[in-house]
């Protein structure tokens, strides 16, 4: 019997911060589940967000945009992979 194939969403995002608050935003992002920091410079942070749906990614990005010191959080790219249920 075949296992069902489930979608898994992976997105990149760029977060613009107030430079004086970048370290605080980085600390908050490091504590978020399914968020990985890939780099930062000049008040901008690049992250990857993973989840089971576009809605999950959007909700996470909304939480990021509400962090103290965040000016803007924008999704740049989304990719969907199909994986078998474990």
Protein backbone atom coordinates (compact mmCIF):
# COMPACT_ATOMS: atom_id res chain seq x y z
CA UNK A 1 0.00 0.00 0.00
CA UNK A 2 1.31 3.47 -0.90
CA UNK A 3 1.82 6.07 1.78
CA UNK A 4 0.03 9.41 1.20
CA UNK A 5 2.23 12.16 -0.16
CA UNK A 6 2.07 15.40 1.84
CA UNK A 7 3.17 18.90 0.82
CA UNK A 8 5.99 20.60 2.73
CA UNK A 9 6.55 24.32 2.18
CA UNK A 10 9.91 26.09 2.33
CA UNK A 11 10.17 29.87 2.05
CA UNK A 12 12.88 32.50 2.17
CA UNK A 13 12.20 35.92 3.64
CA UNK A 14 14.05 39.19 4.12
CA UNK A 15 13.49 41.11 7.33
CA UNK A 16 14.39 44.80 7.58
CA UNK A 17 15.14 45.98 11.11
CA UNK A 18 16.02 49.16 12.92
CA UNK A 19 19.81 48.78 13.15
CA UNK A 20 19.86 49.37 16.90
CA UNK A 21 17.35 46.52 17.36
CA UNK A 22 18.85 43.94 14.98
CA UNK A 23 20.48 41.87 17.75
CA UNK A 24 17.18 41.62 19.62
CA UNK A 25 15.35 40.53 16.47
CA UNK A 26 18.07 37.93 15.79
CA UNK A 27 17.63 36.55 19.32
CA UNK A 28 13.85 36.34 18.89
CA UNK A 29 14.20 34.61 15.50
CA UNK A 30 16.67 32.09 16.95
CA UNK A 31 13.97 31.03 19.41
CA UNK A 32 11.27 30.52 16.78
CA UNK A 33 10.42 27.00 15.64
CA UNK A 34 10.91 26.25 11.92
CA UNK A 35 12.85 29.49 11.33
CA UNK A 36 16.53 29.40 10.35
CA UNK A 37 18.71 32.49 10.06
CA UNK A 38 20.99 32.39 7.01
CA UNK A 39 22.69 35.75 7.31
CA UNK A 40 22.42 39.39 8.31
CA UNK A 41 24.07 42.71 7.51
CA UNK A 42 23.13 46.38 7.53
CA UNK A 43 19.86 45.85 9.40
CA UNK A 44 18.63 43.15 7.00
CA UNK A 45 18.19 39.50 7.95
CA UNK A 46 17.67 36.55 5.58
CA UNK A 47 15.73 33.58 6.97
CA UNK A 48 14.22 30.32 5.79
CA UNK A 49 10.81 29.33 7.14
CA UNK A 50 9.43 25.79 6.84
CA UNK A 51 5.94 24.43 7.41
CA UNK A 52 3.11 22.25 6.26
CA UNK A 53 1.18 24.94 4.34
CA UNK A 54 1.37 28.42 2.89
CA UNK A 55 -0.88 29.52 5.76
CA UNK A 56 1.62 28.27 8.35
CA UNK A 57 4.40 30.21 6.61
CA UNK A 58 2.27 33.34 6.39
CA UNK A 59 1.32 33.14 10.06
CA UNK A 60 4.99 32.81 11.02
CA UNK A 61 5.93 35.77 8.82
CA UNK A 62 3.15 37.81 10.45
CA UNK A 63 4.56 36.99 13.91
CA UNK A 64 8.01 38.06 12.71
CA UNK A 65 6.66 41.36 11.36
CA UNK A 66 5.27 42.16 14.83
CA UNK A 67 8.63 41.73 16.60
CA UNK A 68 9.97 44.87 18.26
CA UNK A 69 12.45 46.50 15.90
CA UNK A 70 11.13 44.96 12.66
CA UNK A 71 10.36 47.50 9.94
CA UNK A 72 9.23 44.97 7.31
CA UNK A 73 9.20 41.19 6.75
CA UNK A 74 8.73 40.05 3.17
CA UNK A 75 8.52 36.57 1.69
CA UNK A 76 10.85 36.31 -1.28
CA UNK A 77 10.41 32.75 -2.52
CA UNK A 78 8.28 29.69 -1.69
CA UNK A 79 8.94 26.12 -2.75
CA UNK A 80 6.69 23.11 -2.16
CA UNK A 81 8.06 19.61 -1.91
CA UNK A 82 6.00 16.49 -1.66
CA UNK A 83 7.06 13.97 0.96
CA UNK A 84 5.59 10.70 2.17
CA UNK A 85 3.89 10.64 5.54
CA UNK A 86 6.14 9.23 8.23
